[in-house]
Amino acid sequence: MAAAAEQSAFAMREAAQTAAGLIRAIDETRMEVDAAAAIAHRASDQASNAVQVSETLSGHAKSIESILGLIRD
């Protein structure tokens, strides 16, 4: 009887340690996902900025082309 109780207590300790390890792994994964989401958000912001800059440069290029056309005529 005592041996069975000891085995049961040992199994419960192992289960608790396993659960604690899983909780730590989940927390670490959550932190990594949060960090990846922040990086993705910054990348999205930078891509939006790049699109705006590209559109602005395209507009300037069209203006320059128009001015050069006037000069040539």
PDB file of N, CA and C in Angstrom:
ATOM      1  N   MET A   1       0.821  -1.187   0.000  1.00  0.00           N
ATOM      2  CA  MET A   1       0.000   0.000   0.000  1.00  0.00           C
ATOM      3  C   MET A   1       0.869   1.255   0.000  1.00  0.00           C
ATOM      4  N   ALA A   2       1.901   1.240   0.846  1.00  0.00           N
ATOM      5  CA  ALA A   2       2.789   2.396   0.923  1.00  0.00           C
ATOM      6  C   ALA A   2       3.523   2.596  -0.396  1.00  0.00           C
ATOM      7  N   ALA A   3       3.896   1.513  -1.031  1.00  0.00           N
ATOM      8  CA  ALA A   3       4.607   1.605  -2.308  1.00  0.00           C
ATOM      9  C   ALA A   3       3.705   2.213  -3.371  1.00  0.00           C
ATOM     10  N   ALA A   4       2.439   1.846  -3.362  1.00  0.00           N
ATOM     11  CA  ALA A   4       1.499   2.402  -4.339  1.00  0.00           C
ATOM     12  C   ALA A   4       1.306   3.892  -4.104  1.00  0.00           C
ATOM     13  N   ALA A   5       1.226   4.294  -2.850  1.00  0.00           N
ATOM     14  CA  ALA A   5       1.068   5.715  -2.523  1.00  0.00           C
ATOM     15  C   ALA A   5       2.306   6.490  -2.946  1.00  0.00           C
ATOM     16  N   GLU A   6       3.473   5.898  -2.739  1.00  0.00           N
ATOM     17  CA  GLU A   6       4.723   6.552  -3.137  1.00  0.00           C
ATOM     18  C   GLU A   6       4.804   6.685  -4.656  1.00  0.00           C
ATOM     19  N   GLN A   7       4.401   5.644  -5.362  1.00  0.00           N
ATOM     20  CA  GLN A   7       4.396   5.702  -6.828  1.00  0.00           C
ATOM     21  C   GLN A   7       3.413   6.755  -7.329  1.00  0.00           C
ATOM     22  N   SER A   8       2.276   6.835  -6.665  1.00  0.00           N
ATOM     23  CA  SER A   8       1.272   7.827  -7.049  1.00  0.00           C
ATOM     24  C   SER A   8       1.797   9.239  -6.812  1.00  0.00           C
ATOM     25  N   ALA A   9       2.441   9.454  -5.673  1.00  0.00           N
ATOM     26  CA  ALA A   9       3.007  10.770  -5.361  1.00  0.00           C
ATOM     27  C   ALA A   9       4.099  11.119  -6.363  1.00  0.00           C
ATOM     28  N   PHE A  10       4.925  10.137  -6.720  1.00  0.00           N
ATOM     29  CA  PHE A  10       5.985  10.366  -7.703  1.00  0.00           C
ATOM     30  C   PHE A  10       5.389  10.739  -9.058  1.00  0.00           C
ATOM     31  N   ALA A  11       4.356  10.015  -9.462  1.00  0.00           N
ATOM     32  CA  ALA A  11       3.705  10.302 -10.744  1.00  0.00           C
ATOM     33  C   ALA A  11       3.087  11.697 -10.736  1.00  0.00           C
ATOM     34  N   MET A  12       2.507  12.086  -9.610  1.00  0.00           N
ATOM     35  CA  MET A  12       1.906  13.427  -9.524  1.00  0.00           C
ATOM     36  C   MET A  12       2.980  14.507  -9.582  1.00  0.00           C
ATOM     37  N   ARG A  13       4.131  14.283  -8.928  1.00  0.00           N
ATOM     38  CA  ARG A  13       5.235  15.251  -9.001  1.00  0.00           C
ATOM     39  C   ARG A  13       5.726  15.381 -10.434  1.00  0.00           C
ATOM     40  N   GLU A  14       5.876  14.250 -11.113  1.00  0.00           N
ATOM     41  CA  GLU A  14       6.316  14.283 -12.512  1.00  0.00           C
ATOM     42  C   GLU A  14       5.310  15.019 -13.388  1.00  0.00           C
ATOM     43  N   ALA A  15       4.039  14.777 -13.146  1.00  0.00           N
ATOM     44  CA  ALA A  15       2.997  15.460 -13.919  1.00  0.00           C
ATOM     45  C   ALA A  15       3.044  16.962 -13.658  1.00  0.00           C
ATOM     46  N   ALA A  16       3.261  17.350 -12.413  1.00  0.00           N
ATOM     47  CA  ALA A  16       3.344  18.775 -12.069  1.00  0.00           C
ATOM     48  C   ALA A  16       4.561  19.411 -12.733  1.00  0.00           C
ATOM     49  N   GLN A  17       5.689  18.707 -12.730  1.00  0.00           N
ATOM     50  CA  GLN A  17       6.889  19.235 -13.378  1.00  0.00           C
ATOM     51  C   GLN A  17       6.680  19.354 -14.883  1.00  0.00           C
ATOM     52  N   THR A  18       6.032  18.372 -15.468  1.00  0.00           N
ATOM     53  CA  THR A  18       5.743  18.420 -16.903  1.00  0.00           C
ATOM     54  C   THR A  18       4.818  19.585 -17.219  1.00  0.00           C
ATOM     55  N   ALA A  19       3.800  19.774 -16.390  1.00  0.00           N
ATOM     56  CA  ALA A  19       2.866  20.890 -16.594  1.00  0.00           C
ATOM     57  C   ALA A  19       3.594  22.224 -16.475  1.00  0.00           C
ATOM     58  N   ALA A  20       4.486  22.334 -15.490  1.00  0.00           N
ATOM     59  CA  ALA A  20       5.248  23.574 -15.326  1.00  0.00           C
ATOM     60  C   ALA A  20       6.123  23.824 -16.549  1.00  0.00           C
ATOM     61  N   GLY A  21       6.733  22.766 -17.066  1.00  0.00           N
ATOM     62  CA  GLY A  21       7.551  22.908 -18.276  1.00  0.00           C
ATOM     63  C   GLY A  21       6.720  23.344 -19.466  1.00  0.00           C
ATOM     64  N   LEU A  22       5.535  22.788 -19.592  1.00  0.00           N
ATOM     65  CA  LEU A  22       4.644  23.184 -20.690  1.00  0.00           C
ATOM     66  C   LEU A  22       4.215  24.641 -20.552  1.00  0.00           C
ATOM     67  N   ILE A  23       3.935  25.062 -19.330  1.00  0.00           N
ATOM     68  CA  ILE A  23       3.547  26.462 -19.102  1.00  0.00           C
ATOM     69  C   ILE A  23       4.688  27.386 -19.503  1.00  0.00           C
ATOM     70  N   ARG A  24       5.917  27.034 -19.128  1.00  0.00           N
ATOM     71  CA  ARG A  24       7.075  27.854 -19.517  1.00  0.00           C
ATOM     72  C   ARG A  24       7.221  27.892 -21.038  1.00  0.00           C
ATOM     73  N   ALA A  25       7.068  26.739 -21.678  1.00  0.00           N
ATOM     74  CA  ALA A  25       7.196  26.683 -23.141  1.00  0.00           C
ATOM     75  C   ALA A  25       6.114  27.523 -23.813  1.00  0.00           C
ATOM     76  N   ILE A  26       4.897  27.462 -23.294  1.00  0.00           N
ATOM     77  CA  ILE A  26       3.806  28.265 -23.854  1.00  0.00           C
ATOM     78  C   ILE A  26       4.093  29.750 -23.674  1.00  0.00           C
ATOM     79  N   ASP A  27       4.574  30.140 -22.490  1.00  0.00           N
ATOM     80  CA  ASP A  27       4.907  31.550 -22.247  1.00  0.00           C
ATOM     81  C   ASP A  27       6.015  32.028 -23.178  1.00  0.00           C
ATOM     82  N   GLU A  28       7.046  31.201 -23.352  1.00  0.00           N
ATOM     83  CA  GLU A  28       8.141  31.571 -24.255  1.00  0.00           C
ATOM     84  C   GLU A  28       7.640  31.696 -25.689  1.00  0.00           C
ATOM     85  N   THR A  29       6.789  30.770 -26.092  1.00  0.00           N
ATOM     86  CA  THR A  29       6.228  30.818 -27.445  1.00  0.00           C
ATOM     87  C   THR A  29       5.384  32.068 -27.631  1.00  0.00           C
ATOM     88  N   ARG A  30       4.576  32.399 -26.624  1.00  0.00           N
ATOM     89  CA  ARG A  30       3.747  33.603 -26.694  1.00  0.00           C
ATOM     90  C   ARG A  30       4.618  34.844 -26.849  1.00  0.00           C
ATOM     91  N   MET A  31       5.713  34.917 -26.079  1.00  0.00           N
ATOM     92  CA  MET A  31       6.608  36.072 -26.184  1.00  0.00           C
ATOM     93  C   MET A  31       7.239  36.147 -27.574  1.00  0.00           C
ATOM     94  N   GLU A  32       7.628  35.004 -28.120  1.00  0.00           N
ATOM     95  CA  GLU A  32       8.220  34.987 -29.459  1.00  0.00           C
ATOM     96  C   GLU A  32       7.204  35.394 -30.524  1.00  0.00           C
ATOM     97  N   VAL A  33       5.968  34.941 -30.369  1.00  0.00           N
ATOM     98  CA  VAL A  33       4.916  35.321 -31.318  1.00  0.00           C
ATOM     99  C   VAL A  33       4.643  36.818 -31.220  1.00  0.00           C
ATOM    100  N   ASP A  34       4.606  37.349 -29.997  1.00  0.00           N
ATOM    101  CA  ASP A  34       4.400  38.791 -29.817  1.00  0.00           C
ATOM    102  C   ASP A  34       5.529  39.585 -30.475  1.00  0.00           C
ATOM    103  N   ALA A  35       6.761  39.123 -30.296  1.00  0.00           N
ATOM    104  CA  ALA A  35       7.903  39.810 -30.906  1.00  0.00           C
ATOM    105  C   ALA A  35       7.820  39.730 -32.429  1.00  0.00           C
ATOM    106  N   ALA A  36       7.457  38.571 -32.952  1.00  0.00           N
ATOM    107  CA  ALA A  36       7.328  38.418 -34.408  1.00  0.00           C
ATOM    108  C   ALA A  36       6.215  39.306 -34.948  1.00  0.00           C
ATOM    109  N   ALA A  37       5.123  39.423 -34.202  1.00  0.00           N
ATOM    110  CA  ALA A  37       4.015  40.286 -34.633  1.00  0.00           C
ATOM    111  C   ALA A  37       4.453  41.745 -34.654  1.00  0.00           C
ATOM    112  N   ALA A  38       5.237  42.152 -33.661  1.00  0.00           N
ATOM    113  CA  ALA A  38       5.734  43.531 -33.632  1.00  0.00           C
ATOM    114  C   ALA A  38       6.652  43.792 -34.826  1.00  0.00           C
ATOM    115  N   ILE A  39       7.506  42.838 -35.143  1.00  0.00           N
ATOM    116  CA  ILE A  39       8.403  42.981 -36.297  1.00  0.00           C
ATOM    117  C   ILE A  39       7.591  43.050 -37.585  1.00  0.00           C
ATOM    118  N   ALA A  40       6.583  42.197 -37.704  1.00  0.00           N
ATOM    119  CA  ALA A  40       5.735  42.212 -38.904  1.00  0.00           C
ATOM    120  C   ALA A  40       4.996  43.541 -39.031  1.00  0.00           C
ATOM    121  N   HIS A  41       4.557  44.088 -37.910  1.00  0.00           N
ATOM    122  CA  HIS A  41       3.859  45.378 -37.933  1.00  0.00           C
ATOM    123  C   HIS A  41       4.807  46.482 -38.397  1.00  0.00           C
ATOM    124  N   ARG A  42       6.033  46.477 -37.863  1.00  0.00           N
ATOM    125  CA  ARG A  42       7.015  47.486 -38.294  1.00  0.00           C
ATOM    126  C   ARG A  42       7.333  47.324 -39.778  1.00  0.00           C
ATOM    127  N   ALA A  43       7.466  46.084 -40.230  1.00  0.00           N
ATOM    128  CA  ALA A  43       7.751  45.837 -41.649  1.00  0.00           C
ATOM    129  C   ALA A  43       6.608  46.342 -42.522  1.00  0.00           C
ATOM    130  N   SER A  44       5.388  46.140 -42.068  1.00  0.00           N
ATOM    131  CA  SER A  44       4.226  46.628 -42.812  1.00  0.00           C
ATOM    132  C   SER A  44       4.234  48.151 -42.883  1.00  0.00           C
ATOM    133  N   ASP A  45       4.554  48.792 -41.762  1.00  0.00           N
ATOM    134  CA  ASP A  45       4.642  50.260 -41.752  1.00  0.00           C
ATOM    135  C   ASP A  45       5.720  50.748 -42.713  1.00  0.00           C
ATOM    136  N   GLN A  46       6.870  50.080 -42.699  1.00  0.00           N
ATOM    137  CA  GLN A  46       7.958  50.484 -43.586  1.00  0.00           C
ATOM    138  C   GLN A  46       7.590  50.252 -45.049  1.00  0.00           C
ATOM    139  N   ALA A  47       6.880  49.175 -45.328  1.00  0.00           N
ATOM    140  CA  ALA A  47       6.442  48.918 -46.702  1.00  0.00           C
ATOM    141  C   ALA A  47       5.462  49.994 -47.156  1.00  0.00           C
ATOM    142  N   SER A  48       4.569  50.403 -46.271  1.00  0.00           N
ATOM    143  CA  SER A  48       3.625  51.477 -46.606  1.00  0.00           C
ATOM    144  C   SER A  48       4.375  52.773 -46.885  1.00  0.00           C
ATOM    145  N   ASN A  49       5.384  53.067 -46.071  1.00  0.00           N
ATOM    146  CA  ASN A  49       6.210  54.258 -46.299  1.00  0.00           C
ATOM    147  C   ASN A  49       6.915  54.172 -47.643  1.00  0.00           C
ATOM    148  N   ALA A  50       7.433  52.993 -47.966  1.00  0.00           N
ATOM    149  CA  ALA A  50       8.134  52.814 -49.242  1.00  0.00           C
ATOM    150  C   ALA A  50       7.191  53.052 -50.414  1.00  0.00           C
ATOM    151  N   VAL A  51       5.958  52.595 -50.297  1.00  0.00           N
ATOM    152  CA  VAL A  51       4.972  52.818 -51.359  1.00  0.00           C
ATOM    153  C   VAL A  51       4.706  54.311 -51.515  1.00  0.00           C
ATOM    154  N   GLN A  52       4.549  55.011 -50.392  1.00  0.00           N
ATOM    155  CA  GLN A  52       4.300  56.455 -50.451  1.00  0.00           C
ATOM    156  C   GLN A  52       5.470  57.196 -51.083  1.00  0.00           C
ATOM    157  N   VAL A  53       6.683  56.824 -50.689  1.00  0.00           N
ATOM    158  CA  VAL A  53       7.871  57.469 -51.257  1.00  0.00           C
ATOM    159  C   VAL A  53       7.952  57.180 -52.750  1.00  0.00           C
ATOM    160  N   SER A  54       7.675  55.950 -53.141  1.00  0.00           N
ATOM    161  CA  SER A  54       7.707  55.580 -54.553  1.00  0.00           C
ATOM    162  C   SER A  54       6.679  56.378 -55.349  1.00  0.00           C
ATOM    163  N   GLU A  55       5.483  56.536 -54.796  1.00  0.00           N
ATOM    164  CA  GLU A  55       4.452  57.320 -55.477  1.00  0.00           C
ATOM    165  C   GLU A  55       4.870  58.785 -55.597  1.00  0.00           C
ATOM    166  N   THR A  56       5.479  59.318 -54.541  1.00  0.00           N
ATOM    167  CA  THR A  56       5.958  60.701 -54.575  1.00  0.00           C
ATOM    168  C   THR A  56       7.040  60.865 -55.632  1.00  0.00           C
ATOM    169  N   LEU A  57       7.996  59.931 -55.651  1.00  0.00           N
ATOM    170  CA  LEU A  57       9.070  59.995 -56.644  1.00  0.00           C
ATOM    171  C   LEU A  57       8.516  59.871 -58.057  1.00  0.00           C
ATOM    172  N   SER A  58       7.522  59.032 -58.243  1.00  0.00           N
ATOM    173  CA  SER A  58       6.902  58.884 -59.554  1.00  0.00           C
ATOM    174  C   SER A  58       6.256  60.197 -59.984  1.00  0.00           C
ATOM    175  N   GLY A  59       5.590  60.851 -59.042  1.00  0.00           N
ATOM    176  CA  GLY A  59       4.988  62.154 -59.342  1.00  0.00           C
ATOM    177  C   GLY A  59       6.032  63.183 -59.714  1.00  0.00           C
ATOM    178  N   HIS A  60       7.151  63.194 -58.978  1.00  0.00           N
ATOM    179  CA  HIS A  60       8.236  64.132 -59.292  1.00  0.00           C
ATOM    180  C   HIS A  60       8.824  63.834 -60.671  1.00  0.00           C
ATOM    181  N   ALA A  61       8.995  62.550 -60.974  1.00  0.00           N
ATOM    182  CA  ALA A  61       9.547  62.175 -62.281  1.00  0.00           C
ATOM    183  C   ALA A  61       8.624  62.648 -63.403  1.00  0.00           C
ATOM    184  N   LYS A  62       7.315  62.530 -63.207  1.00  0.00           N
ATOM    185  CA  LYS A  62       6.366  63.007 -64.217  1.00  0.00           C
ATOM    186  C   LYS A  62       6.450  64.523 -64.372  1.00  0.00           C
ATOM    187  N   SER A  63       6.615  65.229 -63.246  1.00  0.00           N
ATOM    188  CA  SER A  63       6.751  66.689 -63.312  1.00  0.00           C
ATOM    189  C   SER A  63       8.016  67.082 -64.062  1.00  0.00           C
ATOM    190  N   ILE A  64       9.109  66.385 -63.767  1.00  0.00           N
ATOM    191  CA  ILE A  64      10.373  66.673 -64.450  1.00  0.00           C
ATOM    192  C   ILE A  64      10.237  66.381 -65.942  1.00  0.00           C
ATOM    193  N   GLU A  65       9.585  65.273 -66.265  1.00  0.00           N
ATOM    194  CA  GLU A  65       9.372  64.923 -67.671  1.00  0.00           C
ATOM    195  C   GLU A  65       8.552  66.005 -68.371  1.00  0.00           C
ATOM    196  N   SER A  66       7.553  66.515 -67.688  1.00  0.00           N
ATOM    197  CA  SER A  66       6.714  67.573 -68.259  1.00  0.00           C
ATOM    198  C   SER A  66       7.530  68.841 -68.495  1.00  0.00           C
ATOM    199  N   ILE A  67       8.367  69.197 -67.528  1.00  0.00           N
ATOM    200  CA  ILE A  67       9.205  70.397 -67.662  1.00  0.00           C
ATOM    201  C   ILE A  67      10.204  70.221 -68.799  1.00  0.00           C
ATOM    202  N   LEU A  68      10.812  69.027 -68.878  1.00  0.00           N
ATOM    203  CA  LEU A  68      11.755  68.771 -69.969  1.00  0.00           C
ATOM    204  C   LEU A  68      11.051  68.849 -71.318  1.00  0.00           C
ATOM    205  N   GLY A  69       9.812  68.399 -71.376  1.00  0.00           N
ATOM    206  CA  GLY A  69       9.036  68.508 -72.612  1.00  0.00           C
ATOM    207  C   GLY A  69       8.825  69.955 -73.003  1.00  0.00           C
ATOM    208  N   LEU A  70       8.561  70.821 -72.031  1.00  0.00           N
ATOM    209  CA  LEU A  70       8.388  72.251 -72.315  1.00  0.00           C
ATOM    210  C   LEU A  70       9.696  72.874 -72.802  1.00  0.00           C
ATOM    211  N   ILE A  71      10.801  72.457 -72.186  1.00  0.00           N
ATOM    212  CA  ILE A  71      12.105  73.010 -72.570  1.00  0.00           C
ATOM    213  C   ILE A  71      12.452  72.593 -73.997  1.00  0.00           C
ATOM    214  N   ARG A  72      12.155  71.357 -74.349  1.00  0.00           N
ATOM    215  CA  ARG A  72      12.485  70.854 -75.685  1.00  0.00           C
ATOM    216  C   ARG A  72      11.642  71.537 -76.768  1.00  0.00           C
ATOM    217  N   ASP A  73      10.417  71.892 -76.402  1.00  0.00           N
ATOM    218  CA  ASP A  73       9.528  72.495 -77.406  1.00  0.00           C
ATOM    219  C   ASP A  73       9.911  73.903 -77.611  1.00  0.00           C
TER     220      ASP A  73
END
